[in-house]
Amino acid sequence: MNSCKRFLAPAVLLLAAWLNPMTAAAGDGHDHGAPAQSAGGPALPRFTAQSELFELVGVVNDRQIKLYLDHSANNAPVKDAKLELEIGAEKLQAQPQGEGEFSVTLAQPLKPGVTPVTATVSTAQDSDLLAGEIDIHAAAKAEAPPAQGWQDTAKWVLGGLMALGLMMSLAGRLLARRQAQKRQEP
C-alpha cells in the first residue's frame, strides 16, 4: 500500500501540472469565460449638436427622442429654455421634462442612414441655432459564438490520453509488485 502512494502522488502532481495551464490559457477572444451579459442590449442611437453657448444631446428610442440641453461653458443644465427641432423634414416642439431635459415624439421611426438635425434654443438671455446629425444603423444580425479550434480539442484529447497512460502505467506497476510479492511468499 505504501508503494502505491509513492507512485500515486507524482502521477497526481503531473496531471495537475498539465491541467493547470489548460485552464489559464486564453482562447480566440483572449478571455477566461463567458462574456458578461449586458443589461440592456445595444446602446440606443445618439446625436449631439453644439455651439459656443449650448450643447444638446439626443437619445433616440424608436419614435421617442430624449434631449439634454446644457450650457457649453460649465455643462450646467439650461433652465427655462424653449427648444424646437427640425429632424429631416419634420419640425417638432420639444416638451420640457425637467431642468435641461426635453422630449419629442416623431411621427415615424427614423430610417437607417444619416439624418440632419437643427435645434433652435431660446432662453430669456440668449438664443442660438445648433446643428448635428443622427446616424441610424440597420439592425445587425446576432453573431454565432466562435467555434472551438481544433487545437483546443487536441489539447484535451492529448491530456486525456496522457492521464489514461499514466493510470495504466501505475496499475501495471502495482500489479507487477503484487505478483512479485506472491512469488516471494512461502
N, C-alpha and C. Protein backbone atom coordinates (compact mmCIF):
# COMPACT_ATOMS: atom_id res chain seq x y z
N MET A 1 0.82 -1.20 0.00
CA MET A 1 0.00 0.00 0.00
C MET A 1 0.86 1.25 0.00
N ASN A 2 1.96 1.23 0.73
CA ASN A 2 2.86 2.37 0.80
C ASN A 2 3.48 2.66 -0.55
N SER A 3 3.79 1.62 -1.32
CA SER A 3 4.38 1.82 -2.65
C SER A 3 3.37 2.43 -3.61
N CYS A 4 2.07 2.14 -3.39
CA CYS A 4 1.01 2.73 -4.21
C CYS A 4 0.99 4.24 -4.04
N LYS A 5 1.11 4.70 -2.80
CA LYS A 5 1.12 6.14 -2.52
C LYS A 5 2.35 6.80 -3.15
N ARG A 6 3.46 6.04 -3.16
CA ARG A 6 4.69 6.59 -3.71
C ARG A 6 4.56 6.87 -5.20
N PHE A 7 3.80 6.04 -5.93
CA PHE A 7 3.60 6.24 -7.35
C PHE A 7 2.40 7.15 -7.65
N LEU A 8 1.42 7.14 -6.77
CA LEU A 8 0.21 7.91 -7.00
C LEU A 8 0.45 9.42 -6.85
N ALA A 9 1.24 9.82 -5.85
CA ALA A 9 1.49 11.24 -5.62
C ALA A 9 2.13 11.92 -6.83
N PRO A 10 3.21 11.37 -7.42
CA PRO A 10 3.76 12.02 -8.62
C PRO A 10 2.79 12.02 -9.79
N ALA A 11 1.98 10.97 -9.91
CA ALA A 11 1.01 10.91 -11.00
C ALA A 11 -0.01 12.03 -10.88
N VAL A 12 -0.52 12.25 -9.67
CA VAL A 12 -1.50 13.31 -9.43
C VAL A 12 -0.86 14.68 -9.67
N LEU A 13 0.37 14.87 -9.20
CA LEU A 13 1.06 16.15 -9.41
C LEU A 13 1.31 16.41 -10.89
N LEU A 14 1.68 15.38 -11.64
CA LEU A 14 1.90 15.53 -13.06
C LEU A 14 0.61 15.90 -13.79
N LEU A 15 -0.48 15.23 -13.43
CA LEU A 15 -1.77 15.53 -14.04
C LEU A 15 -2.22 16.96 -13.69
N ALA A 16 -2.05 17.38 -12.45
CA ALA A 16 -2.43 18.73 -12.03
C ALA A 16 -1.58 19.79 -12.75
N ALA A 17 -0.29 19.50 -12.91
CA ALA A 17 0.59 20.45 -13.61
C ALA A 17 0.20 20.58 -15.07
N TRP A 18 -0.26 19.48 -15.66
CA TRP A 18 -0.67 19.54 -17.05
C TRP A 18 -1.99 20.29 -17.21
N LEU A 19 -2.95 20.06 -16.31
CA LEU A 19 -4.26 20.68 -16.43
C LEU A 19 -4.24 22.16 -16.07
N ASN A 20 -3.39 22.59 -15.17
CA ASN A 20 -3.38 23.98 -14.73
C ASN A 20 -3.16 24.97 -15.87
N PRO A 21 -2.16 24.80 -16.74
CA PRO A 21 -2.03 25.74 -17.85
C PRO A 21 -3.20 25.69 -18.82
N MET A 22 -3.88 24.56 -18.92
CA MET A 22 -5.02 24.45 -19.81
C MET A 22 -6.15 25.37 -19.36
N THR A 23 -6.37 25.46 -18.08
CA THR A 23 -7.46 26.30 -17.59
C THR A 23 -7.13 27.78 -17.67
N ALA A 24 -5.85 28.12 -17.69
CA ALA A 24 -5.46 29.51 -17.73
C ALA A 24 -5.23 30.03 -19.14
N ALA A 25 -5.16 29.15 -20.12
CA ALA A 25 -4.88 29.57 -21.49
C ALA A 25 -6.08 30.32 -22.08
N ALA A 26 -5.82 31.46 -22.68
CA ALA A 26 -6.89 32.24 -23.30
C ALA A 26 -7.11 31.76 -24.71
N GLY A 27 -8.35 31.78 -25.15
CA GLY A 27 -8.69 31.33 -26.49
C GLY A 27 -8.71 32.49 -27.46
N ASP A 28 -9.48 32.32 -28.53
CA ASP A 28 -9.53 33.33 -29.58
C ASP A 28 -9.94 34.70 -29.06
N GLY A 29 -10.87 34.75 -28.11
CA GLY A 29 -11.35 36.01 -27.58
C GLY A 29 -10.48 36.58 -26.48
N HIS A 30 -9.41 35.87 -26.10
CA HIS A 30 -8.49 36.27 -25.04
C HIS A 30 -9.18 36.51 -23.72
N ASP A 31 -10.18 35.70 -23.44
CA ASP A 31 -10.88 35.85 -22.17
C ASP A 31 -10.86 34.53 -21.43
N HIS A 32 -11.38 34.55 -20.23
CA HIS A 32 -11.38 33.38 -19.38
C HIS A 32 -12.79 33.03 -18.95
N GLY A 33 -13.68 32.95 -19.88
CA GLY A 33 -15.04 32.57 -19.54
C GLY A 33 -16.03 33.22 -20.48
N ALA A 34 -17.29 33.00 -20.15
CA ALA A 34 -18.36 33.56 -20.97
C ALA A 34 -18.38 35.08 -20.84
N PRO A 35 -18.70 35.79 -21.91
CA PRO A 35 -18.76 37.24 -21.81
C PRO A 35 -19.89 37.67 -20.87
N ALA A 36 -19.66 38.79 -20.21
CA ALA A 36 -20.68 39.32 -19.29
C ALA A 36 -21.92 39.71 -20.08
N GLN A 37 -23.07 39.43 -19.52
CA GLN A 37 -24.33 39.78 -20.17
C GLN A 37 -24.56 41.28 -20.00
N SER A 38 -24.92 41.93 -21.08
CA SER A 38 -25.22 43.36 -20.98
C SER A 38 -26.63 43.53 -20.44
N ALA A 39 -26.83 44.58 -19.70
CA ALA A 39 -28.11 44.80 -19.03
C ALA A 39 -29.21 45.17 -20.00
N GLY A 40 -28.91 45.92 -21.04
CA GLY A 40 -29.99 46.39 -21.88
C GLY A 40 -29.77 46.21 -23.37
N GLY A 41 -28.83 45.40 -23.77
CA GLY A 41 -28.59 45.20 -25.19
C GLY A 41 -27.77 46.33 -25.76
N PRO A 42 -27.83 46.50 -27.07
CA PRO A 42 -27.02 47.53 -27.71
C PRO A 42 -27.45 48.93 -27.27
N ALA A 43 -26.50 49.86 -27.32
CA ALA A 43 -26.79 51.24 -26.93
C ALA A 43 -27.74 51.88 -27.95
N LEU A 44 -28.57 52.76 -27.45
CA LEU A 44 -29.50 53.48 -28.32
C LEU A 44 -28.73 54.52 -29.14
N PRO A 45 -29.19 54.80 -30.35
CA PRO A 45 -28.52 55.82 -31.17
C PRO A 45 -28.56 57.19 -30.47
N ARG A 46 -27.50 57.95 -30.64
CA ARG A 46 -27.38 59.27 -30.02
C ARG A 46 -26.90 60.28 -31.07
N PHE A 47 -27.17 61.53 -30.77
CA PHE A 47 -26.62 62.60 -31.61
C PHE A 47 -26.27 63.77 -30.71
N THR A 48 -25.38 64.62 -31.21
CA THR A 48 -25.00 65.83 -30.48
C THR A 48 -25.05 67.01 -31.43
N ALA A 49 -25.30 68.17 -30.85
CA ALA A 49 -25.25 69.44 -31.57
C ALA A 49 -24.76 70.47 -30.57
N GLN A 50 -23.84 71.33 -30.99
CA GLN A 50 -23.30 72.29 -30.04
C GLN A 50 -22.93 73.60 -30.70
N SER A 51 -22.86 74.61 -29.85
CA SER A 51 -22.43 75.94 -30.28
C SER A 51 -21.57 76.49 -29.16
N GLU A 52 -21.21 77.76 -29.24
CA GLU A 52 -20.43 78.37 -28.17
C GLU A 52 -21.25 78.51 -26.88
N LEU A 53 -22.58 78.56 -27.02
CA LEU A 53 -23.44 78.76 -25.85
C LEU A 53 -24.03 77.47 -25.29
N PHE A 54 -24.45 76.55 -26.17
CA PHE A 54 -25.22 75.38 -25.72
C PHE A 54 -24.68 74.08 -26.30
N GLU A 55 -24.97 73.01 -25.57
CA GLU A 55 -24.69 71.65 -26.03
C GLU A 55 -25.98 70.85 -25.91
N LEU A 56 -26.32 70.12 -26.96
CA LEU A 56 -27.54 69.31 -26.98
C LEU A 56 -27.16 67.86 -27.28
N VAL A 57 -27.70 66.94 -26.48
CA VAL A 57 -27.52 65.50 -26.72
C VAL A 57 -28.91 64.90 -26.84
N GLY A 58 -29.10 64.09 -27.87
CA GLY A 58 -30.38 63.41 -28.08
C GLY A 58 -30.18 61.91 -28.08
N VAL A 59 -31.09 61.19 -27.43
CA VAL A 59 -31.06 59.73 -27.38
C VAL A 59 -32.33 59.25 -28.07
N VAL A 60 -32.15 58.50 -29.17
CA VAL A 60 -33.26 58.04 -30.00
C VAL A 60 -33.67 56.64 -29.56
N ASN A 61 -34.98 56.50 -29.24
CA ASN A 61 -35.54 55.19 -28.89
C ASN A 61 -36.81 55.02 -29.71
N ASP A 62 -36.66 54.45 -30.90
CA ASP A 62 -37.75 54.26 -31.84
C ASP A 62 -38.28 55.65 -32.26
N ARG A 63 -39.49 56.00 -31.83
CA ARG A 63 -40.06 57.31 -32.19
C ARG A 63 -39.80 58.36 -31.11
N GLN A 64 -39.39 57.94 -29.94
CA GLN A 64 -39.14 58.87 -28.82
C GLN A 64 -37.70 59.35 -28.85
N ILE A 65 -37.51 60.65 -28.63
CA ILE A 65 -36.17 61.21 -28.50
C ILE A 65 -36.11 61.98 -27.19
N LYS A 66 -35.19 61.58 -26.33
CA LYS A 66 -34.94 62.26 -25.06
C LYS A 66 -33.79 63.24 -25.31
N LEU A 67 -33.95 64.51 -24.89
CA LEU A 67 -32.98 65.56 -25.17
C LEU A 67 -32.42 66.13 -23.88
N TYR A 68 -31.13 66.43 -23.88
CA TYR A 68 -30.44 67.02 -22.73
C TYR A 68 -29.73 68.27 -23.22
N LEU A 69 -30.08 69.42 -22.64
CA LEU A 69 -29.54 70.71 -23.06
C LEU A 69 -28.73 71.31 -21.91
N ASP A 70 -27.45 71.60 -22.19
CA ASP A 70 -26.54 72.16 -21.18
C ASP A 70 -25.87 73.41 -21.73
N HIS A 71 -25.34 74.22 -20.80
CA HIS A 71 -24.51 75.36 -21.18
C HIS A 71 -23.13 74.83 -21.56
N SER A 72 -22.57 75.31 -22.66
CA SER A 72 -21.24 74.85 -23.09
C SER A 72 -20.15 75.24 -22.11
N ALA A 73 -20.28 76.39 -21.49
CA ALA A 73 -19.22 76.91 -20.62
C ALA A 73 -19.01 76.07 -19.36
N ASN A 74 -20.11 75.58 -18.75
CA ASN A 74 -19.95 74.89 -17.47
C ASN A 74 -20.71 73.57 -17.39
N ASN A 75 -21.32 73.15 -18.48
CA ASN A 75 -22.06 71.88 -18.54
C ASN A 75 -23.25 71.83 -17.59
N ALA A 76 -23.74 72.98 -17.16
CA ALA A 76 -24.91 73.05 -16.28
C ALA A 76 -26.18 72.98 -17.14
N PRO A 77 -27.23 72.33 -16.64
CA PRO A 77 -28.48 72.26 -17.41
C PRO A 77 -29.04 73.66 -17.66
N VAL A 78 -29.62 73.84 -18.84
CA VAL A 78 -30.21 75.14 -19.20
C VAL A 78 -31.62 75.20 -18.61
N LYS A 79 -31.87 76.22 -17.78
CA LYS A 79 -33.17 76.40 -17.14
C LYS A 79 -34.09 77.24 -18.03
N ASP A 80 -35.37 76.92 -17.98
CA ASP A 80 -36.41 77.71 -18.65
C ASP A 80 -36.10 78.00 -20.12
N ALA A 81 -35.71 76.99 -20.85
CA ALA A 81 -35.42 77.17 -22.27
C ALA A 81 -36.58 76.65 -23.11
N LYS A 82 -36.68 77.17 -24.32
CA LYS A 82 -37.60 76.65 -25.33
C LYS A 82 -36.72 75.99 -26.39
N LEU A 83 -37.15 74.81 -26.83
CA LEU A 83 -36.34 74.05 -27.77
C LEU A 83 -37.22 73.56 -28.92
N GLU A 84 -36.82 73.94 -30.12
CA GLU A 84 -37.52 73.49 -31.34
C GLU A 84 -36.52 72.68 -32.16
N LEU A 85 -37.00 71.56 -32.70
CA LEU A 85 -36.13 70.69 -33.51
C LEU A 85 -36.66 70.57 -34.92
N GLU A 86 -35.73 70.45 -35.84
CA GLU A 86 -36.07 70.07 -37.20
C GLU A 86 -35.21 68.84 -37.50
N ILE A 87 -35.90 67.69 -37.62
CA ILE A 87 -35.21 66.42 -37.88
C ILE A 87 -35.63 65.97 -39.26
N GLY A 88 -34.68 66.01 -40.18
CA GLY A 88 -35.03 65.77 -41.58
C GLY A 88 -35.98 66.87 -42.01
N ALA A 89 -37.17 66.50 -42.45
CA ALA A 89 -38.17 67.49 -42.89
C ALA A 89 -39.23 67.73 -41.81
N GLU A 90 -39.13 67.06 -40.65
CA GLU A 90 -40.13 67.16 -39.59
C GLU A 90 -39.74 68.22 -38.57
N LYS A 91 -40.68 69.17 -38.30
CA LYS A 91 -40.45 70.20 -37.28
C LYS A 91 -41.21 69.81 -36.02
N LEU A 92 -40.50 69.90 -34.86
CA LEU A 92 -41.07 69.45 -33.59
C LEU A 92 -40.80 70.46 -32.48
N GLN A 93 -41.79 70.65 -31.62
CA GLN A 93 -41.62 71.48 -30.42
C GLN A 93 -41.30 70.53 -29.28
N ALA A 94 -40.12 70.66 -28.66
CA ALA A 94 -39.71 69.77 -27.57
C ALA A 94 -40.46 70.13 -26.30
N GLN A 95 -40.90 69.10 -25.58
CA GLN A 95 -41.64 69.29 -24.33
C GLN A 95 -40.67 69.19 -23.15
N PRO A 96 -40.68 70.19 -22.24
CA PRO A 96 -39.79 70.12 -21.08
C PRO A 96 -40.16 68.95 -20.17
N GLN A 97 -39.14 68.25 -19.67
CA GLN A 97 -39.33 67.11 -18.77
C GLN A 97 -38.65 67.34 -17.42
N GLY A 98 -37.87 68.35 -17.33
CA GLY A 98 -37.13 68.67 -16.11
C GLY A 98 -36.12 69.74 -16.48
N GLU A 99 -35.25 70.07 -15.56
CA GLU A 99 -34.25 71.10 -15.79
C GLU A 99 -33.25 70.62 -16.84
N GLY A 100 -33.28 71.22 -18.02
CA GLY A 100 -32.37 70.86 -19.09
C GLY A 100 -32.74 69.58 -19.83
N GLU A 101 -33.94 69.02 -19.55
CA GLU A 101 -34.37 67.78 -20.19
C GLU A 101 -35.65 68.02 -20.97
N PHE A 102 -35.69 67.43 -22.17
CA PHE A 102 -36.84 67.59 -23.06
C PHE A 102 -37.11 66.25 -23.74
N SER A 103 -38.28 66.19 -24.39
CA SER A 103 -38.57 65.01 -25.19
C SER A 103 -39.43 65.41 -26.38
N VAL A 104 -39.31 64.64 -27.45
CA VAL A 104 -40.15 64.80 -28.63
C VAL A 104 -40.55 63.40 -29.11
N THR A 105 -41.67 63.36 -29.82
CA THR A 105 -42.13 62.11 -30.42
C THR A 105 -42.23 62.31 -31.93
N LEU A 106 -41.52 61.47 -32.66
CA LEU A 106 -41.52 61.54 -34.12
C LEU A 106 -42.80 60.91 -34.67
N ALA A 107 -43.21 61.35 -35.84
CA ALA A 107 -44.38 60.76 -36.50
C ALA A 107 -44.08 59.32 -36.91
N GLN A 108 -42.84 59.06 -37.35
CA GLN A 108 -42.41 57.72 -37.76
C GLN A 108 -40.98 57.50 -37.27
N PRO A 109 -40.60 56.25 -37.04
CA PRO A 109 -39.21 55.99 -36.66
C PRO A 109 -38.26 56.43 -37.79
N LEU A 110 -37.07 56.82 -37.40
CA LEU A 110 -36.08 57.24 -38.38
C LEU A 110 -35.60 56.04 -39.19
N LYS A 111 -35.35 56.27 -40.47
CA LYS A 111 -34.85 55.22 -41.34
C LYS A 111 -33.33 55.12 -41.19
N PRO A 112 -32.75 53.96 -41.46
CA PRO A 112 -31.28 53.85 -41.40
C PRO A 112 -30.62 54.86 -42.32
N GLY A 113 -29.53 55.43 -41.85
CA GLY A 113 -28.78 56.43 -42.60
C GLY A 113 -28.56 57.67 -41.75
N VAL A 114 -28.03 58.69 -42.37
CA VAL A 114 -27.73 59.96 -41.68
C VAL A 114 -28.87 60.94 -41.93
N THR A 115 -29.38 61.50 -40.82
CA THR A 115 -30.47 62.48 -40.89
C THR A 115 -29.99 63.77 -40.23
N PRO A 116 -30.13 64.92 -40.91
CA PRO A 116 -29.71 66.19 -40.30
C PRO A 116 -30.66 66.62 -39.18
N VAL A 117 -30.07 67.26 -38.17
CA VAL A 117 -30.84 67.78 -37.02
C VAL A 117 -30.46 69.25 -36.84
N THR A 118 -31.48 70.10 -36.72
CA THR A 118 -31.26 71.51 -36.42
C THR A 118 -32.10 71.84 -35.19
N ALA A 119 -31.47 72.46 -34.18
CA ALA A 119 -32.16 72.82 -32.95
C ALA A 119 -32.09 74.33 -32.75
N THR A 120 -33.23 74.91 -32.41
CA THR A 120 -33.28 76.32 -32.07
C THR A 120 -33.53 76.42 -30.57
N VAL A 121 -32.59 77.05 -29.85
CA VAL A 121 -32.68 77.19 -28.40
C VAL A 121 -32.95 78.65 -28.08
N SER A 122 -33.97 78.88 -27.23
CA SER A 122 -34.29 80.24 -26.79
C SER A 122 -34.40 80.27 -25.28
N THR A 123 -33.68 81.23 -24.66
CA THR A 123 -33.81 81.48 -23.22
C THR A 123 -34.11 82.96 -23.05
N ALA A 124 -34.29 83.42 -21.81
CA ALA A 124 -34.56 84.84 -21.56
C ALA A 124 -33.38 85.71 -21.99
N GLN A 125 -32.15 85.16 -21.90
CA GLN A 125 -30.95 85.95 -22.22
C GLN A 125 -30.40 85.67 -23.63
N ASP A 126 -30.53 84.43 -24.14
CA ASP A 126 -29.85 84.06 -25.38
C ASP A 126 -30.76 83.24 -26.29
N SER A 127 -30.36 83.20 -27.54
CA SER A 127 -30.96 82.25 -28.47
C SER A 127 -29.84 81.82 -29.42
N ASP A 128 -29.95 80.57 -29.90
CA ASP A 128 -28.88 80.04 -30.73
C ASP A 128 -29.42 78.93 -31.62
N LEU A 129 -28.70 78.67 -32.67
CA LEU A 129 -29.04 77.61 -33.62
C LEU A 129 -27.93 76.56 -33.55
N LEU A 130 -28.32 75.31 -33.34
CA LEU A 130 -27.35 74.21 -33.24
C LEU A 130 -27.62 73.22 -34.37
N ALA A 131 -26.56 72.63 -34.90
CA ALA A 131 -26.71 71.66 -35.99
C ALA A 131 -25.96 70.37 -35.67
N GLY A 132 -26.54 69.26 -36.08
CA GLY A 132 -25.92 67.96 -35.88
C GLY A 132 -26.52 66.93 -36.83
N GLU A 133 -26.19 65.67 -36.61
CA GLU A 133 -26.70 64.59 -37.45
C GLU A 133 -27.00 63.37 -36.58
N ILE A 134 -28.03 62.63 -36.98
CA ILE A 134 -28.34 61.34 -36.36
C ILE A 134 -27.94 60.27 -37.36
N ASP A 135 -27.11 59.35 -36.94
CA ASP A 135 -26.67 58.25 -37.81
C ASP A 135 -27.30 56.96 -37.29
N ILE A 136 -28.33 56.49 -37.98
CA ILE A 136 -29.04 55.27 -37.59
C ILE A 136 -28.50 54.12 -38.44
N HIS A 137 -28.12 53.03 -37.79
CA HIS A 137 -27.63 51.84 -38.49
C HIS A 137 -28.71 50.78 -38.50
N ALA A 138 -28.77 50.01 -39.58
CA ALA A 138 -29.72 48.89 -39.65
C ALA A 138 -29.34 47.88 -38.57
N ALA A 139 -30.34 47.19 -38.05
CA ALA A 139 -30.09 46.19 -37.01
C ALA A 139 -29.16 45.11 -37.54
N ALA A 140 -28.11 44.83 -36.77
CA ALA A 140 -27.15 43.80 -37.17
C ALA A 140 -27.64 42.43 -36.72
N LYS A 141 -27.28 41.42 -37.50
CA LYS A 141 -27.64 40.05 -37.13
C LYS A 141 -26.76 39.62 -35.97
N ALA A 142 -27.34 38.82 -35.09
CA ALA A 142 -26.56 38.30 -33.96
C ALA A 142 -25.48 37.37 -34.48
N GLU A 143 -24.28 37.54 -33.96
CA GLU A 143 -23.18 36.69 -34.39
C GLU A 143 -23.21 35.37 -33.62
N ALA A 144 -22.88 34.30 -34.34
CA ALA A 144 -22.77 32.99 -33.69
C ALA A 144 -21.50 32.97 -32.86
N PRO A 145 -21.51 32.25 -31.74
CA PRO A 145 -20.28 32.18 -30.95
C PRO A 145 -19.18 31.50 -31.77
N PRO A 146 -17.94 31.92 -31.58
CA PRO A 146 -16.86 31.33 -32.37
C PRO A 146 -16.73 29.84 -32.06
N ALA A 147 -16.46 29.07 -33.11
CA ALA A 147 -16.28 27.63 -32.94
C ALA A 147 -14.97 27.37 -32.22
N GLN A 148 -14.96 26.32 -31.43
CA GLN A 148 -13.75 25.96 -30.71
C GLN A 148 -12.74 25.43 -31.71
N GLY A 149 -11.53 25.90 -31.64
CA GLY A 149 -10.49 25.48 -32.58
C GLY A 149 -10.07 24.04 -32.35
N TRP A 150 -9.57 23.41 -33.40
CA TRP A 150 -9.15 22.02 -33.28
C TRP A 150 -7.97 21.88 -32.34
N GLN A 151 -7.19 22.96 -32.18
CA GLN A 151 -6.05 22.90 -31.27
C GLN A 151 -6.51 22.71 -29.83
N ASP A 152 -7.59 23.41 -29.44
CA ASP A 152 -8.11 23.25 -28.08
C ASP A 152 -8.60 21.82 -27.86
N THR A 153 -9.31 21.29 -28.84
CA THR A 153 -9.81 19.92 -28.73
C THR A 153 -8.64 18.94 -28.66
N ALA A 154 -7.62 19.18 -29.48
CA ALA A 154 -6.46 18.29 -29.49
C ALA A 154 -5.75 18.30 -28.14
N LYS A 155 -5.66 19.46 -27.51
CA LYS A 155 -5.03 19.53 -26.18
C LYS A 155 -5.77 18.68 -25.17
N TRP A 156 -7.10 18.76 -25.18
CA TRP A 156 -7.88 17.98 -24.22
C TRP A 156 -7.79 16.48 -24.52
N VAL A 157 -7.81 16.11 -25.78
CA VAL A 157 -7.69 14.69 -26.13
C VAL A 157 -6.31 14.18 -25.72
N LEU A 158 -5.27 14.93 -26.02
CA LEU A 158 -3.92 14.54 -25.64
C LEU A 158 -3.79 14.43 -24.13
N GLY A 159 -4.36 15.37 -23.41
CA GLY A 159 -4.31 15.33 -21.95
C GLY A 159 -5.03 14.10 -21.40
N GLY A 160 -6.19 13.79 -21.98
CA GLY A 160 -6.91 12.59 -21.55
C GLY A 160 -6.13 11.33 -21.81
N LEU A 161 -5.48 11.26 -22.97
CA LEU A 161 -4.65 10.09 -23.29
C LEU A 161 -3.45 9.98 -22.35
N MET A 162 -2.86 11.13 -22.02
CA MET A 162 -1.73 11.11 -21.08
C MET A 162 -2.18 10.63 -19.70
N ALA A 163 -3.32 11.11 -19.25
CA ALA A 163 -3.83 10.68 -17.95
C ALA A 163 -4.14 9.19 -17.95
N LEU A 164 -4.75 8.71 -19.02
CA LEU A 164 -5.06 7.29 -19.15
C LEU A 164 -3.78 6.46 -19.16
N GLY A 165 -2.77 6.89 -19.91
CA GLY A 165 -1.50 6.18 -19.95
C GLY A 165 -0.82 6.16 -18.59
N LEU A 166 -0.89 7.28 -17.88
CA LEU A 166 -0.30 7.36 -16.55
C LEU A 166 -0.99 6.41 -15.59
N MET A 167 -2.32 6.35 -15.64
CA MET A 167 -3.05 5.44 -14.75
C MET A 167 -2.78 3.99 -15.11
N MET A 168 -2.67 3.66 -16.41
CA MET A 168 -2.37 2.29 -16.81
C MET A 168 -0.97 1.89 -16.37
N SER A 169 -0.03 2.82 -16.49
CA SER A 169 1.34 2.54 -16.05
C SER A 169 1.38 2.28 -14.55
N LEU A 170 0.65 3.08 -13.81
CA LEU A 170 0.58 2.91 -12.35
C LEU A 170 -0.07 1.57 -12.00
N ALA A 171 -1.15 1.25 -12.67
CA ALA A 171 -1.82 -0.03 -12.41
C ALA A 171 -0.91 -1.20 -12.76
N GLY A 172 -0.16 -1.10 -13.85
CA GLY A 172 0.77 -2.17 -14.25
C GLY A 172 1.86 -2.36 -13.22
N ARG A 173 2.40 -1.27 -12.70
CA ARG A 173 3.45 -1.38 -11.68
C ARG A 173 2.91 -2.01 -10.41
N LEU A 174 1.69 -1.61 -10.01
CA LEU A 174 1.10 -2.20 -8.81
C LEU A 174 0.85 -3.69 -8.99
N LEU A 175 0.36 -4.08 -10.14
CA LEU A 175 0.11 -5.49 -10.42
C LEU A 175 1.42 -6.27 -10.42
N ALA A 176 2.46 -5.72 -11.01
CA ALA A 176 3.77 -6.40 -11.03
C ALA A 176 4.32 -6.57 -9.62
N ARG A 177 4.16 -5.58 -8.77
CA ARG A 177 4.65 -5.68 -7.38
C ARG A 177 3.89 -6.76 -6.62
N ARG A 178 2.56 -6.80 -6.81
CA ARG A 178 1.77 -7.82 -6.11
C ARG A 178 2.19 -9.23 -6.55
N GLN A 179 2.41 -9.38 -7.84
CA GLN A 179 2.82 -10.70 -8.32
C GLN A 179 4.20 -11.06 -7.78
N ALA A 180 5.10 -10.07 -7.70
CA ALA A 180 6.43 -10.32 -7.16
C ALA A 180 6.34 -10.70 -5.69
N GLN A 181 5.43 -10.04 -4.94
CA GLN A 181 5.27 -10.35 -3.51
C GLN A 181 4.71 -11.75 -3.33
N LYS A 182 3.79 -12.18 -4.19
CA LYS A 182 3.20 -13.51 -4.07
C LYS A 182 4.26 -14.58 -4.36
N ARG A 183 5.17 -14.34 -5.28
CA ARG A 183 6.23 -15.30 -5.59
C ARG A 183 7.21 -15.44 -4.43
N GLN A 184 7.43 -14.35 -3.71
CA GLN A 184 8.38 -14.38 -2.61
C GLN A 184 7.79 -15.03 -1.36
N GLU A 185 6.48 -15.09 -1.24
CA GLU A 185 5.86 -15.68 -0.05
C GLU A 185 6.01 -17.20 -0.12
N PRO A 186 6.31 -17.89 1.06
CA PRO A 186 6.45 -19.35 1.05
C PRO A 186 5.16 -20.09 1.01
